[in-house]
Amino acid sequence: MLLQKGEVRIVGIEVISQVQQDFIIEGAEFAITQDGEVIEKGEATVDGHKIFTLFSANETGRYLCEFTYRIGPEVLKAKVIVEVR
């Protein structure tokens, strides 16, 4: 995902079942890191099968937004690379 410095945008994922079964995302967290250092973390917003957070592009650079979420007994992770120019 490419952002311009100064933008505030929604960064997120949509979880899709590979076997066409319905599921409920029970909770999700996010962590935004840059060069391995945690910049921000907290609880992500869950809306149906979508998980997202607001990202403030205050400084240029490359960031990693990692979502950790729970479906039943499973804990899953997804990563989104954000580049701010």
PDB file of N, CA and C in Angstrom:
ATOM      1  N   MET A   1       0.855  -1.156   0.000  1.00  0.00           N
ATOM      2  CA  MET A   1       0.000   0.000   0.000  1.00  0.00           C
ATOM      3  C   MET A   1       0.906   1.225   0.000  1.00  0.00           C
ATOM      4  N   LEU A   2       0.607   2.185  -0.841  1.00  0.00           N
ATOM      5  CA  LEU A   2       1.405   3.399  -0.963  1.00  0.00           C
ATOM      6  C   LEU A   2       0.601   4.597  -0.465  1.00  0.00           C
ATOM      7  N   LEU A   3       1.180   5.344   0.483  1.00  0.00           N
ATOM      8  CA  LEU A   3       0.525   6.532   1.032  1.00  0.00           C
ATOM      9  C   LEU A   3       1.425   7.742   0.851  1.00  0.00           C
ATOM     10  N   GLN A   4       0.816   8.905   0.818  1.00  0.00           N
ATOM     11  CA  GLN A   4       1.549  10.160   0.790  1.00  0.00           C
ATOM     12  C   GLN A   4       1.685  10.665   2.225  1.00  0.00           C
ATOM     13  N   LYS A   5       2.816  11.294   2.518  1.00  0.00           N
ATOM     14  CA  LYS A   5       3.033  11.845   3.856  1.00  0.00           C
ATOM     15  C   LYS A   5       1.895  12.793   4.205  1.00  0.00           C
ATOM     16  N   GLY A   6       1.338  12.643   5.403  1.00  0.00           N
ATOM     17  CA  GLY A   6       0.237  13.476   5.870  1.00  0.00           C
ATOM     18  C   GLY A   6      -1.136  12.824   5.749  1.00  0.00           C
ATOM     19  N   GLU A   7      -1.229  11.727   5.006  1.00  0.00           N
ATOM     20  CA  GLU A   7      -2.521  11.054   4.860  1.00  0.00           C
ATOM     21  C   GLU A   7      -2.855  10.233   6.105  1.00  0.00           C
ATOM     22  N   VAL A   8      -4.143  10.067   6.350  1.00  0.00           N
ATOM     23  CA  VAL A   8      -4.652   9.138   7.359  1.00  0.00           C
ATOM     24  C   VAL A   8      -5.614   8.227   6.610  1.00  0.00           C
ATOM     25  N   ARG A   9      -5.268   6.930   6.544  1.00  0.00           N
ATOM     26  CA  ARG A   9      -6.052   5.996   5.744  1.00  0.00           C
ATOM     27  C   ARG A   9      -6.340   4.719   6.520  1.00  0.00           C
ATOM     28  N   ILE A  10      -7.361   4.021   6.082  1.00  0.00           N
ATOM     29  CA  ILE A  10      -7.691   2.709   6.643  1.00  0.00           C
ATOM     30  C   ILE A  10      -6.782   1.670   6.000  1.00  0.00           C
ATOM     31  N   VAL A  11      -6.130   0.865   6.844  1.00  0.00           N
ATOM     32  CA  VAL A  11      -5.304  -0.254   6.391  1.00  0.00           C
ATOM     33  C   VAL A  11      -5.932  -1.506   6.963  1.00  0.00           C
ATOM     34  N   GLY A  12      -6.153  -2.514   6.119  1.00  0.00           N
ATOM     35  CA  GLY A  12      -6.784  -3.713   6.642  1.00  0.00           C
ATOM     36  C   GLY A  12      -6.764  -4.875   5.686  1.00  0.00           C
ATOM     37  N   ILE A  13      -7.452  -5.927   6.103  1.00  0.00           N
ATOM     38  CA  ILE A  13      -7.547  -7.163   5.339  1.00  0.00           C
ATOM     39  C   ILE A  13      -8.988  -7.650   5.342  1.00  0.00           C
ATOM     40  N   GLU A  14      -9.288  -8.547   4.419  1.00  0.00           N
ATOM     41  CA  GLU A  14     -10.560  -9.258   4.430  1.00  0.00           C
ATOM     42  C   GLU A  14     -10.241 -10.739   4.469  1.00  0.00           C
ATOM     43  N   VAL A  15     -10.835 -11.450   5.408  1.00  0.00           N
ATOM     44  CA  VAL A  15     -10.578 -12.878   5.599  1.00  0.00           C
ATOM     45  C   VAL A  15     -11.648 -13.653   4.832  1.00  0.00           C
ATOM     46  N   ILE A  16     -11.188 -14.588   3.997  1.00  0.00           N
ATOM     47  CA  ILE A  16     -12.102 -15.383   3.160  1.00  0.00           C
ATOM     48  C   ILE A  16     -11.863 -16.862   3.450  1.00  0.00           C
ATOM     49  N   SER A  17     -12.939 -17.613   3.617  1.00  0.00           N
ATOM     50  CA  SER A  17     -12.846 -19.049   3.862  1.00  0.00           C
ATOM     51  C   SER A  17     -12.532 -19.779   2.561  1.00  0.00           C
ATOM     52  N   GLN A  18     -11.516 -20.623   2.582  1.00  0.00           N
ATOM     53  CA  GLN A  18     -11.147 -21.420   1.407  1.00  0.00           C
ATOM     54  C   GLN A  18     -12.124 -22.580   1.179  1.00  0.00           C
ATOM     55  N   VAL A  19     -12.873 -22.961   2.229  1.00  0.00           N
ATOM     56  CA  VAL A  19     -13.800 -24.094   2.122  1.00  0.00           C
ATOM     57  C   VAL A  19     -15.261 -23.654   2.183  1.00  0.00           C
ATOM     58  N   GLN A  20     -15.496 -22.375   1.969  1.00  0.00           N
ATOM     59  CA  GLN A  20     -16.850 -21.817   1.903  1.00  0.00           C
ATOM     60  C   GLN A  20     -17.668 -22.025   3.174  1.00  0.00           C
ATOM     61  N   GLN A  21     -17.007 -22.050   4.348  1.00  0.00           N
ATOM     62  CA  GLN A  21     -17.711 -22.162   5.620  1.00  0.00           C
ATOM     63  C   GLN A  21     -17.824 -20.795   6.253  1.00  0.00           C
ATOM     64  N   ASP A  22     -18.938 -20.555   6.938  1.00  0.00           N
ATOM     65  CA  ASP A  22     -19.101 -19.296   7.648  1.00  0.00           C
ATOM     66  C   ASP A  22     -18.261 -19.344   8.930  1.00  0.00           C
ATOM     67  N   PHE A  23     -17.782 -18.199   9.372  1.00  0.00           N
ATOM     68  CA  PHE A  23     -16.955 -18.122  10.561  1.00  0.00           C
ATOM     69  C   PHE A  23     -17.120 -16.750  11.196  1.00  0.00           C
ATOM     70  N   ILE A  24     -16.688 -16.657  12.445  1.00  0.00           N
ATOM     71  CA  ILE A  24     -16.743 -15.394  13.183  1.00  0.00           C
ATOM     72  C   ILE A  24     -15.339 -15.056  13.656  1.00  0.00           C
ATOM     73  N   ILE A  25     -14.903 -13.845  13.356  1.00  0.00           N
ATOM     74  CA  ILE A  25     -13.633 -13.354  13.880  1.00  0.00           C
ATOM     75  C   ILE A  25     -13.918 -12.849  15.288  1.00  0.00           C
ATOM     76  N   GLU A  26     -13.340 -13.493  16.276  1.00  0.00           N
ATOM     77  CA  GLU A  26     -13.661 -13.208  17.675  1.00  0.00           C
ATOM     78  C   GLU A  26     -12.913 -12.013  18.247  1.00  0.00           C
ATOM     79  N   GLY A  27     -11.832 -11.606  17.621  1.00  0.00           N
ATOM     80  CA  GLY A  27     -11.067 -10.458  18.085  1.00  0.00           C
ATOM     81  C   GLY A  27      -9.819 -10.300  17.251  1.00  0.00           C
ATOM     82  N   ALA A  28      -9.262  -9.091  17.257  1.00  0.00           N
ATOM     83  CA  ALA A  28      -8.057  -8.836  16.468  1.00  0.00           C
ATOM     84  C   ALA A  28      -7.249  -7.698  17.072  1.00  0.00           C
ATOM     85  N   GLU A  29      -5.942  -7.799  16.917  1.00  0.00           N
ATOM     86  CA  GLU A  29      -5.024  -6.749  17.338  1.00  0.00           C
ATOM     87  C   GLU A  29      -4.146  -6.382  16.144  1.00  0.00           C
ATOM     88  N   PHE A  30      -3.513  -5.214  16.231  1.00  0.00           N
ATOM     89  CA  PHE A  30      -2.575  -4.819  15.197  1.00  0.00           C
ATOM     90  C   PHE A  30      -1.293  -4.312  15.845  1.00  0.00           C
ATOM     91  N   ALA A  31      -0.206  -4.391  15.088  1.00  0.00           N
ATOM     92  CA  ALA A  31       1.072  -3.812  15.497  1.00  0.00           C
ATOM     93  C   ALA A  31       1.710  -3.215  14.252  1.00  0.00           C
ATOM     94  N   ILE A  32       2.090  -1.951  14.334  1.00  0.00           N
ATOM     95  CA  ILE A  32       2.775  -1.279  13.240  1.00  0.00           C
ATOM     96  C   ILE A  32       4.237  -1.153  13.629  1.00  0.00           C
ATOM     97  N   THR A  33       5.116  -1.700  12.772  1.00  0.00           N
ATOM     98  CA  THR A  33       6.542  -1.667  13.059  1.00  0.00           C
ATOM     99  C   THR A  33       7.305  -1.008  11.916  1.00  0.00           C
ATOM    100  N   GLN A  34       8.470  -0.470  12.261  1.00  0.00           N
ATOM    101  CA  GLN A  34       9.397   0.064  11.269  1.00  0.00           C
ATOM    102  C   GLN A  34      10.789  -0.371  11.691  1.00  0.00           C
ATOM    103  N   ASP A  35      11.492  -1.055  10.812  1.00  0.00           N
ATOM    104  CA  ASP A  35      12.831  -1.588  11.104  1.00  0.00           C
ATOM    105  C   ASP A  35      12.849  -2.426  12.380  1.00  0.00           C
ATOM    106  N   GLY A  36      11.786  -3.216  12.587  1.00  0.00           N
ATOM    107  CA  GLY A  36      11.704  -4.093  13.748  1.00  0.00           C
ATOM    108  C   GLY A  36      11.272  -3.433  15.045  1.00  0.00           C
ATOM    109  N   GLU A  37      11.078  -2.123  15.040  1.00  0.00           N
ATOM    110  CA  GLU A  37      10.666  -1.385  16.239  1.00  0.00           C
ATOM    111  C   GLU A  37       9.161  -1.111  16.181  1.00  0.00           C
ATOM    112  N   VAL A  38       8.454  -1.441  17.265  1.00  0.00           N
ATOM    113  CA  VAL A  38       7.007  -1.217  17.316  1.00  0.00           C
ATOM    114  C   VAL A  38       6.733   0.277  17.455  1.00  0.00           C
ATOM    115  N   ILE A  39       5.991   0.821  16.480  1.00  0.00           N
ATOM    116  CA  ILE A  39       5.625   2.237  16.458  1.00  0.00           C
ATOM    117  C   ILE A  39       4.287   2.448  17.172  1.00  0.00           C
ATOM    118  N   GLU A  40       3.358   1.516  16.916  1.00  0.00           N
ATOM    119  CA  GLU A  40       2.010   1.618  17.498  1.00  0.00           C
ATOM    120  C   GLU A  40       1.407   0.227  17.536  1.00  0.00           C
ATOM    121  N   LYS A  41       0.588  -0.041  18.556  1.00  0.00           N
ATOM    122  CA  LYS A  41      -0.146  -1.300  18.628  1.00  0.00           C
ATOM    123  C   LYS A  41      -1.440  -1.074  19.369  1.00  0.00           C
ATOM    124  N   GLY A  42      -2.385  -1.990  19.171  1.00  0.00           N
ATOM    125  CA  GLY A  42      -3.666  -1.859  19.838  1.00  0.00           C
ATOM    126  C   GLY A  42      -4.680  -2.832  19.287  1.00  0.00           C
ATOM    127  N   GLU A  43      -5.929  -2.599  19.624  1.00  0.00           N
ATOM    128  CA  GLU A  43      -7.019  -3.449  19.171  1.00  0.00           C
ATOM    129  C   GLU A  43      -7.485  -2.987  17.799  1.00  0.00           C
ATOM    130  N   ALA A  44      -7.595  -3.923  16.866  1.00  0.00           N
ATOM    131  CA  ALA A  44      -8.073  -3.605  15.521  1.00  0.00           C
ATOM    132  C   ALA A  44      -9.599  -3.640  15.490  1.00  0.00           C
ATOM    133  N   THR A  45     -10.172  -2.978  14.514  1.00  0.00           N
ATOM    134  CA  THR A  45     -11.623  -2.991  14.318  1.00  0.00           C
ATOM    135  C   THR A  45     -11.997  -4.202  13.480  1.00  0.00           C
ATOM    136  N   VAL A  46     -13.026  -4.930  13.915  1.00  0.00           N
ATOM    137  CA  VAL A  46     -13.538  -6.085  13.177  1.00  0.00           C
ATOM    138  C   VAL A  46     -14.949  -5.748  12.719  1.00  0.00           C
ATOM    139  N   ASP A  47     -15.185  -5.881  11.405  1.00  0.00           N
ATOM    140  CA  ASP A  47     -16.502  -5.639  10.821  1.00  0.00           C
ATOM    141  C   ASP A  47     -16.813  -6.819   9.902  1.00  0.00           C
ATOM    142  N   GLY A  48     -17.544  -7.789  10.435  1.00  0.00           N
ATOM    143  CA  GLY A  48     -17.823  -9.003   9.653  1.00  0.00           C
ATOM    144  C   GLY A  48     -16.542  -9.780   9.442  1.00  0.00           C
ATOM    145  N   HIS A  49     -16.120  -9.890   8.190  1.00  0.00           N
ATOM    146  CA  HIS A  49     -14.892 -10.599   7.845  1.00  0.00           C
ATOM    147  C   HIS A  49     -13.744  -9.644   7.526  1.00  0.00           C
ATOM    148  N   LYS A  50     -13.922  -8.366   7.816  1.00  0.00           N
ATOM    149  CA  LYS A  50     -12.887  -7.369   7.568  1.00  0.00           C
ATOM    150  C   LYS A  50     -12.239  -6.941   8.891  1.00  0.00           C
ATOM    151  N   ILE A  51     -10.921  -6.743   8.846  1.00  0.00           N
ATOM    152  CA  ILE A  51     -10.152  -6.296  10.004  1.00  0.00           C
ATOM    153  C   ILE A  51      -9.355  -5.086   9.555  1.00  0.00           C
ATOM    154  N   PHE A  52      -9.414  -3.989  10.323  1.00  0.00           N
ATOM    155  CA  PHE A  52      -8.706  -2.791   9.883  1.00  0.00           C
ATOM    156  C   PHE A  52      -8.352  -1.867  11.042  1.00  0.00           C
ATOM    157  N   THR A  53      -7.484  -0.893  10.733  1.00  0.00           N
ATOM    158  CA  THR A  53      -7.099   0.153  11.660  1.00  0.00           C
ATOM    159  C   THR A  53      -6.795   1.405  10.854  1.00  0.00           C
ATOM    160  N   LEU A  54      -6.744   2.545  11.516  1.00  0.00           N
ATOM    161  CA  LEU A  54      -6.339   3.784  10.856  1.00  0.00           C
ATOM    162  C   LEU A  54      -4.822   3.912  10.926  1.00  0.00           C
ATOM    163  N   PHE A  55      -4.225   4.315   9.820  1.00  0.00           N
ATOM    164  CA  PHE A  55      -2.780   4.507   9.742  1.00  0.00           C
ATOM    165  C   PHE A  55      -2.512   5.968   9.437  1.00  0.00           C
ATOM    166  N   SER A  56      -1.741   6.627  10.297  1.00  0.00           N
ATOM    167  CA  SER A  56      -1.364   8.028  10.094  1.00  0.00           C
ATOM    168  C   SER A  56       0.029   8.065   9.483  1.00  0.00           C
ATOM    169  N   ALA A  57       0.118   8.546   8.265  1.00  0.00           N
ATOM    170  CA  ALA A  57       1.392   8.594   7.543  1.00  0.00           C
ATOM    171  C   ALA A  57       2.128   9.887   7.886  1.00  0.00           C
ATOM    172  N   ASN A  58       2.689   9.948   9.082  1.00  0.00           N
ATOM    173  CA  ASN A  58       3.355  11.162   9.548  1.00  0.00           C
ATOM    174  C   ASN A  58       4.791  11.288   9.065  1.00  0.00           C
ATOM    175  N   GLU A  59       5.461  10.152   8.867  1.00  0.00           N
ATOM    176  CA  GLU A  59       6.868  10.154   8.459  1.00  0.00           C
ATOM    177  C   GLU A  59       7.055   9.244   7.253  1.00  0.00           C
ATOM    178  N   THR A  60       7.953   9.625   6.355  1.00  0.00           N
ATOM    179  CA  THR A  60       8.233   8.772   5.208  1.00  0.00           C
ATOM    180  C   THR A  60       8.960   7.509   5.671  1.00  0.00           C
ATOM    181  N   GLY A  61       8.835   6.454   4.880  1.00  0.00           N
ATOM    182  CA  GLY A  61       9.502   5.200   5.204  1.00  0.00           C
ATOM    183  C   GLY A  61       8.631   4.009   4.869  1.00  0.00           C
ATOM    184  N   ARG A  62       9.146   2.841   5.223  1.00  0.00           N
ATOM    185  CA  ARG A  62       8.445   1.580   4.968  1.00  0.00           C
ATOM    186  C   ARG A  62       8.022   0.993   6.312  1.00  0.00           C
ATOM    187  N   TYR A  63       6.754   0.619   6.416  1.00  0.00           N
ATOM    188  CA  TYR A  63       6.180   0.114   7.663  1.00  0.00           C
ATOM    189  C   TYR A  63       5.554  -1.253   7.414  1.00  0.00           C
ATOM    190  N   LEU A  64       5.425  -2.016   8.476  1.00  0.00           N
ATOM    191  CA  LEU A  64       4.743  -3.301   8.422  1.00  0.00           C
ATOM    192  C   LEU A  64       3.585  -3.250   9.406  1.00  0.00           C
ATOM    193  N   CYS A  65       2.387  -3.485   8.921  1.00  0.00           N
ATOM    194  CA  CYS A  65       1.198  -3.547   9.775  1.00  0.00           C
ATOM    195  C   CYS A  65       0.803  -5.019   9.868  1.00  0.00           C
ATOM    196  N   GLU A  66       0.945  -5.597  11.063  1.00  0.00           N
ATOM    197  CA  GLU A  66       0.640  -7.009  11.265  1.00  0.00           C
ATOM    198  C   GLU A  66      -0.636  -7.148  12.079  1.00  0.00           C
ATOM    199  N   PHE A  67      -1.576  -7.908  11.539  1.00  0.00           N
ATOM    200  CA  PHE A  67      -2.838  -8.188  12.223  1.00  0.00           C
ATOM    201  C   PHE A  67      -2.778  -9.597  12.800  1.00  0.00           C
ATOM    202  N   THR A  68      -3.153  -9.749  14.067  1.00  0.00           N
ATOM    203  CA  THR A  68      -3.279 -11.044  14.725  1.00  0.00           C
ATOM    204  C   THR A  68      -4.749 -11.197  15.087  1.00  0.00           C
ATOM    205  N   TYR A  69      -5.371 -12.290  14.608  1.00  0.00           N
ATOM    206  CA  TYR A  69      -6.812 -12.442  14.843  1.00  0.00           C
ATOM    207  C   TYR A  69      -7.158 -13.879  15.196  1.00  0.00           C
ATOM    208  N   ARG A  70      -8.319 -14.025  15.840  1.00  0.00           N
ATOM    209  CA  ARG A  70      -8.756 -15.317  16.338  1.00  0.00           C
ATOM    210  C   ARG A  70     -10.068 -15.748  15.687  1.00  0.00           C
ATOM    211  N   ILE A  71     -10.055 -17.002  15.207  1.00  0.00           N
ATOM    212  CA  ILE A  71     -11.260 -17.653  14.684  1.00  0.00           C
ATOM    213  C   ILE A  71     -11.338 -18.994  15.395  1.00  0.00           C
ATOM    214  N   GLY A  72     -12.300 -19.134  16.294  1.00  0.00           N
ATOM    215  CA  GLY A  72     -12.402 -20.352  17.094  1.00  0.00           C
ATOM    216  C   GLY A  72     -11.122 -20.544  17.893  1.00  0.00           C
ATOM    217  N   PRO A  73     -10.547 -21.753  17.875  1.00  0.00           N
ATOM    218  CA  PRO A  73      -9.323 -21.999  18.645  1.00  0.00           C
ATOM    219  C   PRO A  73      -8.049 -21.550  17.909  1.00  0.00           C
ATOM    220  N   GLU A  74      -8.188 -21.103  16.670  1.00  0.00           N
ATOM    221  CA  GLU A  74      -7.016 -20.746  15.868  1.00  0.00           C
ATOM    222  C   GLU A  74      -6.622 -19.284  16.046  1.00  0.00           C
ATOM    223  N   VAL A  75      -5.320 -19.036  16.026  1.00  0.00           N
ATOM    224  CA  VAL A  75      -4.773 -17.680  16.021  1.00  0.00           C
ATOM    225  C   VAL A  75      -4.029 -17.529  14.704  1.00  0.00           C
ATOM    226  N   LEU A  76      -4.431 -16.534  13.908  1.00  0.00           N
ATOM    227  CA  LEU A  76      -3.850 -16.331  12.589  1.00  0.00           C
ATOM    228  C   LEU A  76      -3.232 -14.947  12.495  1.00  0.00           C
ATOM    229  N   LYS A  77      -2.312 -14.777  11.528  1.00  0.00           N
ATOM    230  CA  LYS A  77      -1.648 -13.497  11.335  1.00  0.00           C
ATOM    231  C   LYS A  77      -1.648 -13.136   9.861  1.00  0.00           C
ATOM    232  N   ALA A  78      -1.688 -11.828   9.606  1.00  0.00           N
ATOM    233  CA  ALA A  78      -1.597 -11.312   8.237  1.00  0.00           C
ATOM    234  C   ALA A  78      -0.789 -10.029   8.286  1.00  0.00           C
ATOM    235  N   LYS A  79      -0.027  -9.777   7.225  1.00  0.00           N
ATOM    236  CA  LYS A  79       0.837  -8.609   7.181  1.00  0.00           C
ATOM    237  C   LYS A  79       0.502  -7.744   5.960  1.00  0.00           C
ATOM    238  N   VAL A  80       0.559  -6.426   6.170  1.00  0.00           N
ATOM    239  CA  VAL A  80       0.368  -5.463   5.100  1.00  0.00           C
ATOM    240  C   VAL A  80       1.571  -4.518   5.126  1.00  0.00           C
ATOM    241  N   ILE A  81       2.241  -4.385   3.997  1.00  0.00           N
ATOM    242  CA  ILE A  81       3.368  -3.456   3.895  1.00  0.00           C
ATOM    243  C   ILE A  81       2.831  -2.101   3.472  1.00  0.00           C
ATOM    244  N   VAL A  82       3.225  -1.067   4.207  1.00  0.00           N
ATOM    245  CA  VAL A  82       2.789   0.306   3.931  1.00  0.00           C
ATOM    246  C   VAL A  82       4.034   1.136   3.654  1.00  0.00           C
ATOM    247  N   GLU A  83       4.040   1.812   2.508  1.00  0.00           N
ATOM    248  CA  GLU A  83       5.150   2.689   2.171  1.00  0.00           C
ATOM    249  C   GLU A  83       4.644   4.121   2.121  1.00  0.00           C
ATOM    250  N   VAL A  84       5.316   4.992   2.856  1.00  0.00           N
ATOM    251  CA  VAL A  84       4.930   6.413   2.925  1.00  0.00           C
ATOM    252  C   VAL A  84       6.000   7.217   2.166  1.00  0.00           C
ATOM    253  N   ARG A  85       5.541   8.002   1.190  1.00  0.00           N
ATOM    254  CA  ARG A  85       6.464   8.845   0.393  1.00  0.00           C
ATOM    255  C   ARG A  85       6.191  10.299   0.610  1.00  0.00           C
TER     256      ARG A  85
END
